[in-house]
Amino acid sequence: MPIFVTIPAVGTFVTFPIFSGQLLALALVYFLAARARTETCGDTPGLGVW
């Protein structure tokens, strides 16, 4: 599995921001969802506190 796939029609210069933007959006959604979950239940996620 290649680490970086280039879209031939646009080249590396445009492909990198496309994929990095998707990864950034995925990370933001994850952390915002974790923050919302922390605010609603008052527990720290991932620490195993019941």
PDB file of N, CA and C in Angstrom:
ATOM      1  N   MET A   1       0.845  -1.178   0.000  1.00  0.00           N
ATOM      2  CA  MET A   1       0.000   0.000   0.000  1.00  0.00           C
ATOM      3  C   MET A   1       0.887   1.238   0.000  1.00  0.00           C
ATOM      4  N   PRO A   2       0.719   2.097  -0.969  1.00  0.00           N
ATOM      5  CA  PRO A   2       1.554   3.308  -1.013  1.00  0.00           C
ATOM      6  C   PRO A   2       1.207   4.268   0.123  1.00  0.00           C
ATOM      7  N   ILE A   3       2.196   5.003   0.562  1.00  0.00           N
ATOM      8  CA  ILE A   3       1.987   5.963   1.637  1.00  0.00           C
ATOM      9  C   ILE A   3       1.305   7.226   1.100  1.00  0.00           C
ATOM     10  N   PHE A   4       1.670   7.623  -0.098  1.00  0.00           N
ATOM     11  CA  PHE A   4       1.075   8.823  -0.677  1.00  0.00           C
ATOM     12  C   PHE A   4       0.650   8.519  -2.102  1.00  0.00           C
ATOM     13  N   VAL A   5      -0.603   8.736  -2.418  1.00  0.00           N
ATOM     14  CA  VAL A   5      -1.139   8.488  -3.752  1.00  0.00           C
ATOM     15  C   VAL A   5      -1.332   9.830  -4.432  1.00  0.00           C
ATOM     16  N   THR A   6      -0.786   9.955  -5.636  1.00  0.00           N
ATOM     17  CA  THR A   6      -0.921  11.198  -6.387  1.00  0.00           C
ATOM     18  C   THR A   6      -2.059  11.084  -7.383  1.00  0.00           C
ATOM     19  N   ILE A   7      -2.867  12.114  -7.472  1.00  0.00           N
ATOM     20  CA  ILE A   7      -3.929  12.165  -8.485  1.00  0.00           C
ATOM     21  C   ILE A   7      -3.279  12.683  -9.770  1.00  0.00           C
ATOM     22  N   PRO A   8      -3.182  11.844 -10.794  1.00  0.00           N
ATOM     23  CA  PRO A   8      -2.434  12.231 -11.996  1.00  0.00           C
ATOM     24  C   PRO A   8      -2.974  13.477 -12.702  1.00  0.00           C
ATOM     25  N   ALA A   9      -4.258  13.703 -12.641  1.00  0.00           N
ATOM     26  CA  ALA A   9      -4.846  14.838 -13.375  1.00  0.00           C
ATOM     27  C   ALA A   9      -4.417  16.185 -12.793  1.00  0.00           C
ATOM     28  N   VAL A  10      -4.112  16.239 -11.498  1.00  0.00           N
ATOM     29  CA  VAL A  10      -3.798  17.526 -10.874  1.00  0.00           C
ATOM     30  C   VAL A  10      -2.358  17.613 -10.376  1.00  0.00           C
ATOM     31  N   GLY A  11      -1.688  16.481 -10.187  1.00  0.00           N
ATOM     32  CA  GLY A  11      -0.297  16.499  -9.748  1.00  0.00           C
ATOM     33  C   GLY A  11      -0.170  16.555  -8.235  1.00  0.00           C
ATOM     34  N   THR A  12       1.077  16.468  -7.790  1.00  0.00           N
ATOM     35  CA  THR A  12       1.374  16.417  -6.359  1.00  0.00           C
ATOM     36  C   THR A  12       1.057  17.729  -5.653  1.00  0.00           C
ATOM     37  N   PHE A  13       1.248  18.841  -6.328  1.00  0.00           N
ATOM     38  CA  PHE A  13       1.050  20.152  -5.706  1.00  0.00           C
ATOM     39  C   PHE A  13      -0.379  20.340  -5.222  1.00  0.00           C
ATOM     40  N   VAL A  14      -1.343  19.792  -5.925  1.00  0.00           N
ATOM     41  CA  VAL A  14      -2.744  19.921  -5.540  1.00  0.00           C
ATOM     42  C   VAL A  14      -3.206  18.706  -4.733  1.00  0.00           C
ATOM     43  N   THR A  15      -2.631  17.539  -5.010  1.00  0.00           N
ATOM     44  CA  THR A  15      -3.048  16.315  -4.320  1.00  0.00           C
ATOM     45  C   THR A  15      -2.745  16.377  -2.833  1.00  0.00           C
ATOM     46  N   PHE A  16      -1.584  16.879  -2.461  1.00  0.00           N
ATOM     47  CA  PHE A  16      -1.206  16.917  -1.044  1.00  0.00           C
ATOM     48  C   PHE A  16      -2.185  17.733  -0.201  1.00  0.00           C
ATOM     49  N   PRO A  17      -2.547  18.969  -0.599  1.00  0.00           N
ATOM     50  CA  PRO A  17      -3.537  19.707   0.203  1.00  0.00           C
ATOM     51  C   PRO A  17      -4.904  19.020   0.269  1.00  0.00           C
ATOM     52  N   ILE A  18      -5.281  18.302  -0.781  1.00  0.00           N
ATOM     53  CA  ILE A  18      -6.568  17.601  -0.754  1.00  0.00           C
ATOM     54  C   ILE A  18      -6.561  16.555   0.353  1.00  0.00           C
ATOM     55  N   PHE A  19      -5.529  15.689   0.354  1.00  0.00           N
ATOM     56  CA  PHE A  19      -5.483  14.621   1.349  1.00  0.00           C
ATOM     57  C   PHE A  19      -5.185  15.151   2.746  1.00  0.00           C
ATOM     58  N   SER A  20      -4.341  16.164   2.850  1.00  0.00           N
ATOM     59  CA  SER A  20      -4.053  16.701   4.181  1.00  0.00           C
ATOM     60  C   SER A  20      -5.276  17.416   4.746  1.00  0.00           C
ATOM     61  N   GLY A  21      -6.060  18.042   3.895  1.00  0.00           N
ATOM     62  CA  GLY A  21      -7.299  18.677   4.349  1.00  0.00           C
ATOM     63  C   GLY A  21      -8.302  17.658   4.863  1.00  0.00           C
ATOM     64  N   GLN A  22      -8.377  16.504   4.198  1.00  0.00           N
ATOM     65  CA  GLN A  22      -9.272  15.450   4.659  1.00  0.00           C
ATOM     66  C   GLN A  22      -8.826  14.913   6.010  1.00  0.00           C
ATOM     67  N   LEU A  23      -7.525  14.724   6.191  1.00  0.00           N
ATOM     68  CA  LEU A  23      -7.016  14.240   7.477  1.00  0.00           C
ATOM     69  C   LEU A  23      -7.255  15.266   8.584  1.00  0.00           C
ATOM     70  N   LEU A  24      -7.070  16.542   8.275  1.00  0.00           N
ATOM     71  CA  LEU A  24      -7.324  17.591   9.255  1.00  0.00           C
ATOM     72  C   LEU A  24      -8.798  17.616   9.649  1.00  0.00           C
ATOM     73  N   ALA A  25      -9.684  17.494   8.677  1.00  0.00           N
ATOM     74  CA  ALA A  25     -11.120  17.485   8.967  1.00  0.00           C
ATOM     75  C   ALA A  25     -11.493  16.278   9.823  1.00  0.00           C
ATOM     76  N   LEU A  26     -10.915  15.128   9.536  1.00  0.00           N
ATOM     77  CA  LEU A  26     -11.175  13.929  10.319  1.00  0.00           C
ATOM     78  C   LEU A  26     -10.721  14.113  11.762  1.00  0.00           C
ATOM     79  N   ALA A  27      -9.540  14.694  11.953  1.00  0.00           N
ATOM     80  CA  ALA A  27      -9.036  14.933  13.305  1.00  0.00           C
ATOM     81  C   ALA A  27      -9.917  15.938  14.055  1.00  0.00           C
ATOM     82  N   LEU A  28     -10.342  16.997  13.379  1.00  0.00           N
ATOM     83  CA  LEU A  28     -11.191  17.997  14.030  1.00  0.00           C
ATOM     84  C   LEU A  28     -12.533  17.403  14.458  1.00  0.00           C
ATOM     85  N   VAL A  29     -13.117  16.591  13.598  1.00  0.00           N
ATOM     86  CA  VAL A  29     -14.394  15.950  13.944  1.00  0.00           C
ATOM     87  C   VAL A  29     -14.205  15.046  15.151  1.00  0.00           C
ATOM     88  N   TYR A  30     -13.116  14.287  15.171  1.00  0.00           N
ATOM     89  CA  TYR A  30     -12.857  13.371  16.285  1.00  0.00           C
ATOM     90  C   TYR A  30     -12.706  14.138  17.602  1.00  0.00           C
ATOM     91  N   PHE A  31     -11.886  15.172  17.603  1.00  0.00           N
ATOM     92  CA  PHE A  31     -11.643  15.906  18.845  1.00  0.00           C
ATOM     93  C   PHE A  31     -12.854  16.713  19.291  1.00  0.00           C
ATOM     94  N   LEU A  32     -13.616  17.252  18.349  1.00  0.00           N
ATOM     95  CA  LEU A  32     -14.831  17.961  18.734  1.00  0.00           C
ATOM     96  C   LEU A  32     -15.872  17.000  19.295  1.00  0.00           C
ATOM     97  N   ALA A  33     -15.959  15.798  18.722  1.00  0.00           N
ATOM     98  CA  ALA A  33     -16.896  14.797  19.244  1.00  0.00           C
ATOM     99  C   ALA A  33     -16.456  14.343  20.635  1.00  0.00           C
ATOM    100  N   ALA A  34     -15.160  14.173  20.845  1.00  0.00           N
ATOM    101  CA  ALA A  34     -14.662  13.773  22.162  1.00  0.00           C
ATOM    102  C   ALA A  34     -14.915  14.877  23.183  1.00  0.00           C
ATOM    103  N   ARG A  35     -14.754  16.119  22.763  1.00  0.00           N
ATOM    104  CA  ARG A  35     -15.000  17.247  23.672  1.00  0.00           C
ATOM    105  C   ARG A  35     -16.482  17.332  24.037  1.00  0.00           C
ATOM    106  N   ALA A  36     -17.362  17.134  23.049  1.00  0.00           N
ATOM    107  CA  ALA A  36     -18.800  17.181  23.307  1.00  0.00           C
ATOM    108  C   ALA A  36     -19.198  16.041  24.235  1.00  0.00           C
ATOM    109  N   ARG A  37     -18.595  14.878  24.063  1.00  0.00           N
ATOM    110  CA  ARG A  37     -18.894  13.739  24.917  1.00  0.00           C
ATOM    111  C   ARG A  37     -18.417  14.010  26.338  1.00  0.00           C
ATOM    112  N   THR A  38     -17.256  14.669  26.482  1.00  0.00           N
ATOM    113  CA  THR A  38     -16.728  14.998  27.802  1.00  0.00           C
ATOM    114  C   THR A  38     -17.627  16.014  28.510  1.00  0.00           C
ATOM    115  N   GLU A  39     -18.129  16.991  27.780  1.00  0.00           N
ATOM    116  CA  GLU A  39     -18.976  18.013  28.387  1.00  0.00           C
ATOM    117  C   GLU A  39     -20.329  17.447  28.812  1.00  0.00           C
ATOM    118  N   THR A  40     -20.833  16.448  28.088  1.00  0.00           N
ATOM    119  CA  THR A  40     -22.155  15.929  28.416  1.00  0.00           C
ATOM    120  C   THR A  40     -22.113  14.943  29.568  1.00  0.00           C
ATOM    121  N   CYS A  41     -21.083  14.097  29.657  1.00  0.00           N
ATOM    122  CA  CYS A  41     -21.086  13.084  30.706  1.00  0.00           C
ATOM    123  C   CYS A  41     -20.145  13.430  31.852  1.00  0.00           C
ATOM    124  N   GLY A  42     -19.251  14.404  31.677  1.00  0.00           N
ATOM    125  CA  GLY A  42     -18.370  14.810  32.755  1.00  0.00           C
ATOM    126  C   GLY A  42     -17.235  13.856  33.033  1.00  0.00           C
ATOM    127  N   ASP A  43     -17.017  12.887  32.164  1.00  0.00           N
ATOM    128  CA  ASP A  43     -15.961  11.909  32.352  1.00  0.00           C
ATOM    129  C   ASP A  43     -14.844  12.181  31.345  1.00  0.00           C
ATOM    130  N   THR A  44     -13.627  11.822  31.697  1.00  0.00           N
ATOM    131  CA  THR A  44     -12.510  11.973  30.787  1.00  0.00           C
ATOM    132  C   THR A  44     -12.438  10.734  29.901  1.00  0.00           C
ATOM    133  N   PRO A  45     -12.581  10.893  28.584  1.00  0.00           N
ATOM    134  CA  PRO A  45     -12.582   9.719  27.721  1.00  0.00           C
ATOM    135  C   PRO A  45     -11.201   9.066  27.670  1.00  0.00           C
ATOM    136  N   GLY A  46     -11.202   7.758  27.675  1.00  0.00           N
ATOM    137  CA  GLY A  46      -9.963   7.025  27.508  1.00  0.00           C
ATOM    138  C   GLY A  46      -9.196   6.741  28.778  1.00  0.00           C
ATOM    139  N   LEU A  47      -9.634   7.228  29.923  1.00  0.00           N
ATOM    140  CA  LEU A  47      -8.890   6.978  31.149  1.00  0.00           C
ATOM    141  C   LEU A  47      -9.475   5.829  31.959  1.00  0.00           C
ATOM    142  N   GLY A  48     -10.592   5.300  31.553  1.00  0.00           N
ATOM    143  CA  GLY A  48     -11.180   4.169  32.236  1.00  0.00           C
ATOM    144  C   GLY A  48     -11.839   4.526  33.568  1.00  0.00           C
ATOM    145  N   VAL A  49     -12.183   5.777  33.751  1.00  0.00           N
ATOM    146  CA  VAL A  49     -12.844   6.202  34.988  1.00  0.00           C
ATOM    147  C   VAL A  49     -14.333   5.950  34.826  1.00  0.00           C
ATOM    148  N   TRP A  50     -14.908   5.202  35.730  1.00  0.00           N
ATOM    149  CA  TRP A  50     -16.331   4.872  35.619  1.00  0.00           C
ATOM    150  C   TRP A  50     -17.124   5.782  36.429  1.00  0.00           C
TER     151      TRP A  50
END
